[in-house]
Amino acid sequence: MASSPTPQDAADDPRLDLRDEADLHAWARRLDASPDELRAAAAAVGDRIADIELHLKGSRASTNSERVEHELKTRP
């Protein structure tokens, strides 16, 4: 029989509570992402913060200078 997770286990594997606006905004600040980006990441990979963070890092693979250069090239 498996034991219930302890509070320490929960702290070791934090999850995003999408229903809690304060939690959503706190994690958005910590992960340097918008709440909408967090919602999209959670929809893609689930609510584990570690998975969301990896997903966000993967979607930000280009550097800022590459993004600026791309923006300048694509502007009319």
PDB file of N, CA and C in Angstrom:
ATOM      1  N   MET A   1       0.832  -1.155   0.000  1.00  0.00           N
ATOM      2  CA  MET A   1       0.000   0.000   0.000  1.00  0.00           C
ATOM      3  C   MET A   1       0.896   1.243   0.000  1.00  0.00           C
ATOM      4  N   ALA A   2       0.612   2.194  -0.912  1.00  0.00           N
ATOM      5  CA  ALA A   2       1.386   3.425  -1.016  1.00  0.00           C
ATOM      6  C   ALA A   2       0.948   4.409   0.062  1.00  0.00           C
ATOM      7  N   SER A   3       1.913   5.137   0.554  1.00  0.00           N
ATOM      8  CA  SER A   3       1.568   6.125   1.575  1.00  0.00           C
ATOM      9  C   SER A   3       1.171   7.436   0.911  1.00  0.00           C
ATOM     10  N   SER A   4       0.449   8.248   1.636  1.00  0.00           N
ATOM     11  CA  SER A   4       0.048   9.563   1.139  1.00  0.00           C
ATOM     12  C   SER A   4       1.262  10.467   1.098  1.00  0.00           C
ATOM     13  N   PRO A   5       1.291  11.379   0.131  1.00  0.00           N
ATOM     14  CA  PRO A   5       2.418  12.301   0.097  1.00  0.00           C
ATOM     15  C   PRO A   5       2.447  13.193   1.332  1.00  0.00           C
ATOM     16  N   THR A   6       3.632  13.458   1.811  1.00  0.00           N
ATOM     17  CA  THR A   6       3.789  14.356   2.952  1.00  0.00           C
ATOM     18  C   THR A   6       3.892  15.787   2.438  1.00  0.00           C
ATOM     19  N   PRO A   7       3.745  16.774   3.307  1.00  0.00           N
ATOM     20  CA  PRO A   7       3.908  18.160   2.852  1.00  0.00           C
ATOM     21  C   PRO A   7       5.267  18.400   2.196  1.00  0.00           C
ATOM     22  N   GLN A   8       6.321  17.741   2.690  1.00  0.00           N
ATOM     23  CA  GLN A   8       7.646  17.894   2.090  1.00  0.00           C
ATOM     24  C   GLN A   8       7.632  17.368   0.661  1.00  0.00           C
ATOM     25  N   ASP A   9       6.951  16.236   0.408  1.00  0.00           N
ATOM     26  CA  ASP A   9       6.861  15.703  -0.947  1.00  0.00           C
ATOM     27  C   ASP A   9       6.191  16.716  -1.866  1.00  0.00           C
ATOM     28  N   ALA A  10       5.150  17.359  -1.389  1.00  0.00           N
ATOM     29  CA  ALA A  10       4.436  18.356  -2.186  1.00  0.00           C
ATOM     30  C   ALA A  10       5.346  19.543  -2.500  1.00  0.00           C
ATOM     31  N   ALA A  11       6.180  19.929  -1.550  1.00  0.00           N
ATOM     32  CA  ALA A  11       7.110  21.041  -1.779  1.00  0.00           C
ATOM     33  C   ALA A  11       8.177  20.654  -2.792  1.00  0.00           C
ATOM     34  N   ASP A  12       8.538  19.377  -2.829  1.00  0.00           N
ATOM     35  CA  ASP A  12       9.543  18.902  -3.771  1.00  0.00           C
ATOM     36  C   ASP A  12       8.993  18.783  -5.190  1.00  0.00           C
ATOM     37  N   ASP A  13       7.699  18.732  -5.346  1.00  0.00           N
ATOM     38  CA  ASP A  13       7.066  18.567  -6.653  1.00  0.00           C
ATOM     39  C   ASP A  13       5.902  19.557  -6.770  1.00  0.00           C
ATOM     40  N   PRO A  14       6.219  20.854  -6.813  1.00  0.00           N
ATOM     41  CA  PRO A  14       5.135  21.841  -6.838  1.00  0.00           C
ATOM     42  C   PRO A  14       4.303  21.753  -8.110  1.00  0.00           C
ATOM     43  N   ARG A  15       3.048  22.098  -7.959  1.00  0.00           N
ATOM     44  CA  ARG A  15       2.112  22.069  -9.081  1.00  0.00           C
ATOM     45  C   ARG A  15       1.437  23.432  -9.186  1.00  0.00           C
ATOM     46  N   LEU A  16       1.046  23.773 -10.394  1.00  0.00           N
ATOM     47  CA  LEU A  16       0.375  25.033 -10.663  1.00  0.00           C
ATOM     48  C   LEU A  16      -1.128  24.845 -10.489  1.00  0.00           C
ATOM     49  N   ASP A  17      -1.715  25.688  -9.667  1.00  0.00           N
ATOM     50  CA  ASP A  17      -3.166  25.660  -9.485  1.00  0.00           C
ATOM     51  C   ASP A  17      -3.759  26.745 -10.386  1.00  0.00           C
ATOM     52  N   LEU A  18      -4.266  26.352 -11.541  1.00  0.00           N
ATOM     53  CA  LEU A  18      -4.795  27.294 -12.520  1.00  0.00           C
ATOM     54  C   LEU A  18      -6.042  28.022 -12.034  1.00  0.00           C
ATOM     55  N   ARG A  19      -6.700  27.493 -11.015  1.00  0.00           N
ATOM     56  CA  ARG A  19      -7.904  28.138 -10.481  1.00  0.00           C
ATOM     57  C   ARG A  19      -7.562  29.237  -9.484  1.00  0.00           C
ATOM     58  N   ASP A  20      -6.307  29.274  -9.036  1.00  0.00           N
ATOM     59  CA  ASP A  20      -5.867  30.252  -8.039  1.00  0.00           C
ATOM     60  C   ASP A  20      -5.074  31.348  -8.749  1.00  0.00           C
ATOM     61  N   GLU A  21      -5.717  32.509  -8.951  1.00  0.00           N
ATOM     62  CA  GLU A  21      -5.083  33.612  -9.686  1.00  0.00           C
ATOM     63  C   GLU A  21      -3.784  34.064  -9.016  1.00  0.00           C
ATOM     64  N   ALA A  22      -3.761  34.081  -7.687  1.00  0.00           N
ATOM     65  CA  ALA A  22      -2.545  34.503  -6.981  1.00  0.00           C
ATOM     66  C   ALA A  22      -1.402  33.532  -7.267  1.00  0.00           C
ATOM     67  N   ASP A  23      -1.690  32.238  -7.246  1.00  0.00           N
ATOM     68  CA  ASP A  23      -0.685  31.219  -7.538  1.00  0.00           C
ATOM     69  C   ASP A  23      -0.206  31.355  -8.983  1.00  0.00           C
ATOM     70  N   LEU A  24      -1.143  31.542  -9.881  1.00  0.00           N
ATOM     71  CA  LEU A  24      -0.822  31.684 -11.300  1.00  0.00           C
ATOM     72  C   LEU A  24       0.106  32.884 -11.524  1.00  0.00           C
ATOM     73  N   HIS A  25      -0.220  34.009 -10.925  1.00  0.00           N
ATOM     74  CA  HIS A  25       0.604  35.205 -11.106  1.00  0.00           C
ATOM     75  C   HIS A  25       1.956  35.083 -10.400  1.00  0.00           C
ATOM     76  N   ALA A  26       1.988  34.421  -9.261  1.00  0.00           N
ATOM     77  CA  ALA A  26       3.264  34.222  -8.556  1.00  0.00           C
ATOM     78  C   ALA A  26       4.207  33.366  -9.398  1.00  0.00           C
ATOM     79  N   TRP A  27       3.691  32.269  -9.956  1.00  0.00           N
ATOM     80  CA  TRP A  27       4.529  31.411 -10.799  1.00  0.00           C
ATOM     81  C   TRP A  27       4.896  32.115 -12.099  1.00  0.00           C
ATOM     82  N   ALA A  28       4.016  32.935 -12.623  1.00  0.00           N
ATOM     83  CA  ALA A  28       4.329  33.691 -13.839  1.00  0.00           C
ATOM     84  C   ALA A  28       5.539  34.595 -13.585  1.00  0.00           C
ATOM     85  N   ARG A  29       5.555  35.268 -12.444  1.00  0.00           N
ATOM     86  CA  ARG A  29       6.704  36.117 -12.107  1.00  0.00           C
ATOM     87  C   ARG A  29       7.961  35.277 -11.944  1.00  0.00           C
ATOM     88  N   ARG A  30       7.848  34.169 -11.230  1.00  0.00           N
ATOM     89  CA  ARG A  30       9.029  33.328 -10.961  1.00  0.00           C
ATOM     90  C   ARG A  30       9.598  32.724 -12.242  1.00  0.00           C
ATOM     91  N   LEU A  31       8.724  32.393 -13.186  1.00  0.00           N
ATOM     92  CA  LEU A  31       9.176  31.744 -14.422  1.00  0.00           C
ATOM     93  C   LEU A  31       9.331  32.726 -15.575  1.00  0.00           C
ATOM     94  N   ASP A  32       9.152  34.012 -15.298  1.00  0.00           N
ATOM     95  CA  ASP A  32       9.270  35.057 -16.312  1.00  0.00           C
ATOM     96  C   ASP A  32       8.399  34.734 -17.524  1.00  0.00           C
ATOM     97  N   ALA A  33       7.133  34.500 -17.250  1.00  0.00           N
ATOM     98  CA  ALA A  33       6.166  34.157 -18.289  1.00  0.00           C
ATOM     99  C   ALA A  33       4.852  34.848 -17.979  1.00  0.00           C
ATOM    100  N   SER A  34       4.003  34.937 -18.961  1.00  0.00           N
ATOM    101  CA  SER A  34       2.683  35.507 -18.721  1.00  0.00           C
ATOM    102  C   SER A  34       1.755  34.417 -18.188  1.00  0.00           C
ATOM    103  N   PRO A  35       0.684  34.804 -17.517  1.00  0.00           N
ATOM    104  CA  PRO A  35      -0.288  33.800 -17.086  1.00  0.00           C
ATOM    105  C   PRO A  35      -0.828  32.980 -18.268  1.00  0.00           C
ATOM    106  N   ASP A  36      -1.036  33.622 -19.414  1.00  0.00           N
ATOM    107  CA  ASP A  36      -1.511  32.880 -20.587  1.00  0.00           C
ATOM    108  C   ASP A  36      -0.488  31.853 -21.063  1.00  0.00           C
ATOM    109  N   GLU A  37       0.797  32.211 -20.987  1.00  0.00           N
ATOM    110  CA  GLU A  37       1.838  31.245 -21.361  1.00  0.00           C
ATOM    111  C   GLU A  37       1.830  30.056 -20.410  1.00  0.00           C
ATOM    112  N   LEU A  38       1.614  30.332 -19.126  1.00  0.00           N
ATOM    113  CA  LEU A  38       1.556  29.234 -18.153  1.00  0.00           C
ATOM    114  C   LEU A  38       0.346  28.342 -18.411  1.00  0.00           C
ATOM    115  N   ARG A  39      -0.787  28.956 -18.722  1.00  0.00           N
ATOM    116  CA  ARG A  39      -1.990  28.159 -19.019  1.00  0.00           C
ATOM    117  C   ARG A  39      -1.750  27.262 -20.235  1.00  0.00           C
ATOM    118  N   ALA A  40      -1.135  27.814 -21.276  1.00  0.00           N
ATOM    119  CA  ALA A  40      -0.860  27.040 -22.487  1.00  0.00           C
ATOM    120  C   ALA A  40       0.136  25.915 -22.197  1.00  0.00           C
ATOM    121  N   ALA A  41       1.153  26.214 -21.410  1.00  0.00           N
ATOM    122  CA  ALA A  41       2.142  25.192 -21.064  1.00  0.00           C
ATOM    123  C   ALA A  41       1.499  24.084 -20.231  1.00  0.00           C
ATOM    124  N   ALA A  42       0.662  24.463 -19.285  1.00  0.00           N
ATOM    125  CA  ALA A  42      -0.021  23.460 -18.456  1.00  0.00           C
ATOM    126  C   ALA A  42      -0.951  22.603 -19.306  1.00  0.00           C
ATOM    127  N   ALA A  43      -1.590  23.194 -20.291  1.00  0.00           N
ATOM    128  CA  ALA A  43      -2.452  22.416 -21.187  1.00  0.00           C
ATOM    129  C   ALA A  43      -1.626  21.422 -21.992  1.00  0.00           C
ATOM    130  N   ALA A  44      -0.392  21.797 -22.309  1.00  0.00           N
ATOM    131  CA  ALA A  44       0.468  20.933 -23.117  1.00  0.00           C
ATOM    132  C   ALA A  44       1.141  19.831 -22.308  1.00  0.00           C
ATOM    133  N   VAL A  45       1.584  20.159 -21.075  1.00  0.00           N
ATOM    134  CA  VAL A  45       2.408  19.192 -20.337  1.00  0.00           C
ATOM    135  C   VAL A  45       1.895  18.829 -18.956  1.00  0.00           C
ATOM    136  N   GLY A  46       0.818  19.445 -18.493  1.00  0.00           N
ATOM    137  CA  GLY A  46       0.303  19.143 -17.161  1.00  0.00           C
ATOM    138  C   GLY A  46       0.659  20.234 -16.178  1.00  0.00           C
ATOM    139  N   ASP A  47       0.321  20.016 -14.909  1.00  0.00           N
ATOM    140  CA  ASP A  47       0.436  21.076 -13.917  1.00  0.00           C
ATOM    141  C   ASP A  47       1.708  21.057 -13.082  1.00  0.00           C
ATOM    142  N   ARG A  48       2.615  20.106 -13.316  1.00  0.00           N
ATOM    143  CA  ARG A  48       3.880  20.085 -12.567  1.00  0.00           C
ATOM    144  C   ARG A  48       4.751  21.253 -13.012  1.00  0.00           C
ATOM    145  N   ILE A  49       5.205  22.052 -12.049  1.00  0.00           N
ATOM    146  CA  ILE A  49       6.016  23.230 -12.348  1.00  0.00           C
ATOM    147  C   ILE A  49       7.284  22.841 -13.111  1.00  0.00           C
ATOM    148  N   ALA A  50       7.917  21.747 -12.745  1.00  0.00           N
ATOM    149  CA  ALA A  50       9.143  21.327 -13.433  1.00  0.00           C
ATOM    150  C   ALA A  50       8.873  21.087 -14.921  1.00  0.00           C
ATOM    151  N   ASP A  51       7.751  20.455 -15.239  1.00  0.00           N
ATOM    152  CA  ASP A  51       7.402  20.189 -16.636  1.00  0.00           C
ATOM    153  C   ASP A  51       7.056  21.481 -17.368  1.00  0.00           C
ATOM    154  N   ILE A  52       6.341  22.359 -16.696  1.00  0.00           N
ATOM    155  CA  ILE A  52       5.976  23.654 -17.295  1.00  0.00           C
ATOM    156  C   ILE A  52       7.242  24.455 -17.588  1.00  0.00           C
ATOM    157  N   GLU A  53       8.165  24.480 -16.637  1.00  0.00           N
ATOM    158  CA  GLU A  53       9.404  25.235 -16.826  1.00  0.00           C
ATOM    159  C   GLU A  53      10.199  24.692 -18.016  1.00  0.00           C
ATOM    160  N   LEU A  54      10.317  23.378 -18.122  1.00  0.00           N
ATOM    161  CA  LEU A  54      11.027  22.786 -19.258  1.00  0.00           C
ATOM    162  C   LEU A  54      10.331  23.112 -20.573  1.00  0.00           C
ATOM    163  N   HIS A  55       9.022  23.064 -20.563  1.00  0.00           N
ATOM    164  CA  HIS A  55       8.254  23.386 -21.769  1.00  0.00           C
ATOM    165  C   HIS A  55       8.501  24.838 -22.182  1.00  0.00           C
ATOM    166  N   LEU A  56       8.469  25.741 -21.214  1.00  0.00           N
ATOM    167  CA  LEU A  56       8.714  27.153 -21.511  1.00  0.00           C
ATOM    168  C   LEU A  56      10.130  27.380 -22.026  1.00  0.00           C
ATOM    169  N   LYS A  57      11.090  26.703 -21.443  1.00  0.00           N
ATOM    170  CA  LYS A  57      12.473  26.848 -21.902  1.00  0.00           C
ATOM    171  C   LYS A  57      12.623  26.351 -23.329  1.00  0.00           C
ATOM    172  N   GLY A  58      11.931  25.281 -23.649  1.00  0.00           N
ATOM    173  CA  GLY A  58      11.993  24.751 -25.004  1.00  0.00           C
ATOM    174  C   GLY A  58      11.363  25.697 -26.007  1.00  0.00           C
ATOM    175  N   SER A  59      10.321  26.403 -25.590  1.00  0.00           N
ATOM    176  CA  SER A  59       9.657  27.329 -26.500  1.00  0.00           C
ATOM    177  C   SER A  59      10.411  28.643 -26.616  1.00  0.00           C
ATOM    178  N   ARG A  60      11.422  28.825 -25.777  1.00  0.00           N
ATOM    179  CA  ARG A  60      12.234  30.042 -25.800  1.00  0.00           C
ATOM    180  C   ARG A  60      13.660  29.715 -26.220  1.00  0.00           C
ATOM    181  N   ALA A  61      13.811  28.781 -27.130  1.00  0.00           N
ATOM    182  CA  ALA A  61      15.138  28.317 -27.500  1.00  0.00           C
ATOM    183  C   ALA A  61      15.982  29.392 -28.182  1.00  0.00           C
ATOM    184  N   SER A  62      15.346  30.332 -28.847  1.00  0.00           N
ATOM    185  CA  SER A  62      16.123  31.382 -29.499  1.00  0.00           C
ATOM    186  C   SER A  62      16.537  32.435 -28.475  1.00  0.00           C
ATOM    187  N   THR A  63      17.586  33.140 -28.794  1.00  0.00           N
ATOM    188  CA  THR A  63      18.046  34.193 -27.901  1.00  0.00           C
ATOM    189  C   THR A  63      17.256  35.460 -28.154  1.00  0.00           C
ATOM    190  N   ASN A  64      17.331  36.391 -27.228  1.00  0.00           N
ATOM    191  CA  ASN A  64      16.628  37.650 -27.396  1.00  0.00           C
ATOM    192  C   ASN A  64      17.120  38.382 -28.638  1.00  0.00           C
ATOM    193  N   SER A  65      18.416  38.379 -28.874  1.00  0.00           N
ATOM    194  CA  SER A  65      18.937  39.081 -30.049  1.00  0.00           C
ATOM    195  C   SER A  65      18.416  38.449 -31.337  1.00  0.00           C
ATOM    196  N   GLU A  66      18.241  37.129 -31.354  1.00  0.00           N
ATOM    197  CA  GLU A  66      17.663  36.472 -32.532  1.00  0.00           C
ATOM    198  C   GLU A  66      16.219  36.899 -32.734  1.00  0.00           C
ATOM    199  N   ARG A  67      15.452  37.032 -31.647  1.00  0.00           N
ATOM    200  CA  ARG A  67      14.056  37.459 -31.753  1.00  0.00           C
ATOM    201  C   ARG A  67      13.969  38.895 -32.249  1.00  0.00           C
ATOM    202  N   VAL A  68      14.845  39.773 -31.738  1.00  0.00           N
ATOM    203  CA  VAL A  68      14.834  41.169 -32.169  1.00  0.00           C
ATOM    204  C   VAL A  68      15.188  41.247 -33.647  1.00  0.00           C
ATOM    205  N   GLU A  69      16.199  40.511 -34.059  1.00  0.00           N
ATOM    206  CA  GLU A  69      16.600  40.505 -35.461  1.00  0.00           C
ATOM    207  C   GLU A  69      15.452  40.022 -36.350  1.00  0.00           C
ATOM    208  N   HIS A  70      14.764  38.974 -35.908  1.00  0.00           N
ATOM    209  CA  HIS A  70      13.629  38.447 -36.662  1.00  0.00           C
ATOM    210  C   HIS A  70      12.520  39.496 -36.761  1.00  0.00           C
ATOM    211  N   GLU A  71      12.236  40.169 -35.652  1.00  0.00           N
ATOM    212  CA  GLU A  71      11.195  41.212 -35.645  1.00  0.00           C
ATOM    213  C   GLU A  71      11.541  42.329 -36.627  1.00  0.00           C
ATOM    214  N   LEU A  72      12.788  42.736 -36.634  1.00  0.00           N
ATOM    215  CA  LEU A  72      13.197  43.822 -37.515  1.00  0.00           C
ATOM    216  C   LEU A  72      13.066  43.422 -38.989  1.00  0.00           C
ATOM    217  N   LYS A  73      13.360  42.168 -39.284  1.00  0.00           N
ATOM    218  CA  LYS A  73      13.282  41.669 -40.662  1.00  0.00           C
ATOM    219  C   LYS A  73      11.844  41.533 -41.123  1.00  0.00           C
ATOM    220  N   THR A  74      10.933  41.236 -40.214  1.00  0.00           N
ATOM    221  CA  THR A  74       9.547  40.958 -40.612  1.00  0.00           C
ATOM    222  C   THR A  74       8.647  42.188 -40.541  1.00  0.00           C
ATOM    223  N   ARG A  75       9.150  43.299 -40.058  1.00  0.00           N
ATOM    224  CA  ARG A  75       8.329  44.521 -40.004  1.00  0.00           C
ATOM    225  C   ARG A  75       8.190  45.115 -41.402  1.00  0.00           C
ATOM    226  N   PRO A  76       7.018  45.678 -41.705  1.00  0.00           N
ATOM    227  CA  PRO A  76       6.826  46.300 -43.031  1.00  0.00           C
ATOM    228  C   PRO A  76       7.637  47.562 -43.201  1.00  0.00           C
TER     229      PRO A  76
END
